[in-house]
Protein backbone atom coordinates (compact mmCIF):
# COMPACT_ATOMS: atom_id res chain seq x y z
CA MET A 1 -16.56 84.39 -56.83
CA SER A 2 -16.21 82.11 -53.81
CA ASP A 3 -14.15 82.86 -50.72
CA LYS A 4 -10.85 80.99 -51.00
CA PHE A 5 -10.55 81.01 -47.20
CA LYS A 6 -13.80 79.07 -46.59
CA PRO A 7 -12.40 75.53 -47.12
CA ALA A 8 -9.34 76.37 -45.02
CA LEU A 9 -11.52 77.80 -42.23
CA ASP A 10 -13.65 74.65 -42.30
CA ASP A 11 -10.48 72.57 -41.87
CA VAL A 12 -9.28 74.77 -39.00
CA CYS A 13 -12.65 74.61 -37.23
CA ASP A 14 -12.79 70.81 -37.53
CA ALA A 15 -9.23 70.44 -36.25
CA VAL A 16 -9.82 72.77 -33.29
CA ALA A 17 -13.05 70.96 -32.41
CA ALA A 18 -11.07 67.70 -32.43
CA GLY A 19 -8.59 69.12 -29.91
CA GLN A 20 -5.77 70.50 -32.05
CA SER A 21 -4.41 73.93 -31.12
CA ILE A 22 -5.62 76.80 -33.26
CA GLU A 23 -2.02 77.70 -34.11
CA ALA A 24 -1.19 74.21 -35.40
CA ALA A 25 -4.49 73.95 -37.27
CA VAL A 26 -3.97 77.32 -38.98
CA LYS A 27 -0.39 76.50 -39.94
CA GLU A 28 -1.43 73.18 -41.47
CA ALA A 29 -4.45 74.61 -43.31
CA ALA A 30 -2.51 77.63 -44.60
CA GLU A 31 0.11 75.33 -46.12
CA GLU A 32 -2.48 72.95 -47.54
CA HIS A 33 -4.59 75.71 -49.12
CA ASP A 34 -1.65 77.97 -50.08
CA LEU A 35 -2.90 80.92 -48.01
CA PRO A 36 -1.06 83.49 -45.89
CA GLU A 37 -0.90 82.11 -42.36
CA LEU A 38 -1.48 85.46 -40.64
CA ALA A 39 -4.58 86.24 -42.71
CA LEU A 40 -6.01 82.77 -42.02
CA MET A 41 -5.23 83.15 -38.30
CA ASN A 42 -7.10 86.47 -38.20
CA ARG A 43 -10.16 84.95 -39.86
CA ALA A 44 -10.02 81.79 -37.75
CA SER A 45 -9.75 83.80 -34.53
CA ARG A 46 -12.84 85.79 -35.46
CA ALA A 47 -14.75 82.68 -36.56
CA ILE A 48 -13.88 80.57 -33.52
CA GLY A 49 -13.53 83.12 -30.72
CA ASP A 50 -12.81 81.46 -27.38
CA VAL A 51 -11.46 77.99 -28.24
CA GLU A 52 -12.88 76.18 -25.19
CA ARG A 53 -16.32 77.74 -25.66
CA TYR A 54 -16.19 76.77 -29.34
CA ARG A 55 -15.27 73.16 -28.52
CA GLU A 56 -18.07 72.92 -25.94
CA GLY A 57 -20.57 74.29 -28.45
CA ARG A 58 -19.49 71.80 -31.10
CA ARG A 59 -19.68 68.96 -28.55
CA LYS A 60 -23.24 69.96 -27.64
CA VAL A 61 -24.29 70.12 -31.28
CA SER A 62 -22.79 66.68 -31.89
CA GLU A 63 -24.52 65.25 -28.80
CA LEU A 64 -27.85 66.73 -29.89
CA ALA A 65 -27.52 65.19 -33.35
CA ARG A 66 -26.69 61.82 -31.76
CA ALA A 67 -29.71 62.09 -29.44
CA ARG A 68 -32.01 63.06 -32.32
CA ALA A 69 -30.82 60.12 -34.44
CA ALA A 70 -31.24 57.67 -31.54
CA ALA A 71 -34.72 59.03 -30.77
CA GLU A 72 -35.77 58.57 -34.40
CA ARG A 73 -34.55 54.96 -34.32
CA ILE A 74 -36.37 54.24 -31.05
CA GLU A 75 -39.60 55.81 -32.32
CA ALA A 76 -39.31 53.66 -35.46
CA GLY A 77 -38.88 50.55 -33.29
CA ASN A 78 -35.28 50.02 -34.41
CA HIS A 79 -33.29 50.30 -31.19
CA GLU A 80 -31.05 47.29 -31.84
CA GLY A 81 -27.40 48.18 -31.44
CA LEU A 82 -27.95 51.46 -29.59
CA SER A 83 -25.71 51.92 -26.58
CA ARG A 84 -27.22 52.59 -23.17
CA ALA A 85 -25.76 56.12 -23.33
CA ASP A 86 -27.48 56.76 -26.68
CA ILE A 87 -30.78 55.42 -25.35
CA ASP A 88 -30.51 57.70 -22.30
CA LEU A 89 -29.70 60.67 -24.56
CA ALA A 90 -32.66 59.85 -26.79
CA PHE A 91 -35.15 59.69 -23.93
CA ASP A 92 -33.78 62.94 -22.48
CA TYR A 93 -34.18 64.48 -25.95
CA MET A 94 -37.76 63.22 -26.15
CA GLY A 95 -38.54 64.82 -22.79
CA MET A 96 -38.63 61.62 -20.76
CA PRO A 97 -35.51 61.89 -18.57
CA ASN A 98 -36.90 59.63 -15.83
CA TRP A 99 -37.85 56.70 -18.08
CA LYS A 100 -35.20 54.42 -16.55
CA ARG A 101 -36.43 54.76 -12.97
């Protein structure tokens, strides 16, 4: 049997990472998934912990994924359309932070 809170927690985590307050995200997800708001808030608070630390962690994971994808494109010779910021991220990711100097 699957956990009926999992999809709601995923929605809350995504909303909080995008900048929404945990209270608003829980209220919205509880209504959408027909779950008790207090129970969802308890689970979300344990899953997320400190909201700012959680957002920073998600931002770093997203930046790392962007750097990895840009590095793969550069290594394949397909750097057309990459922004300067993505190219810088990619070279930092590949261990060449001073390439632009």
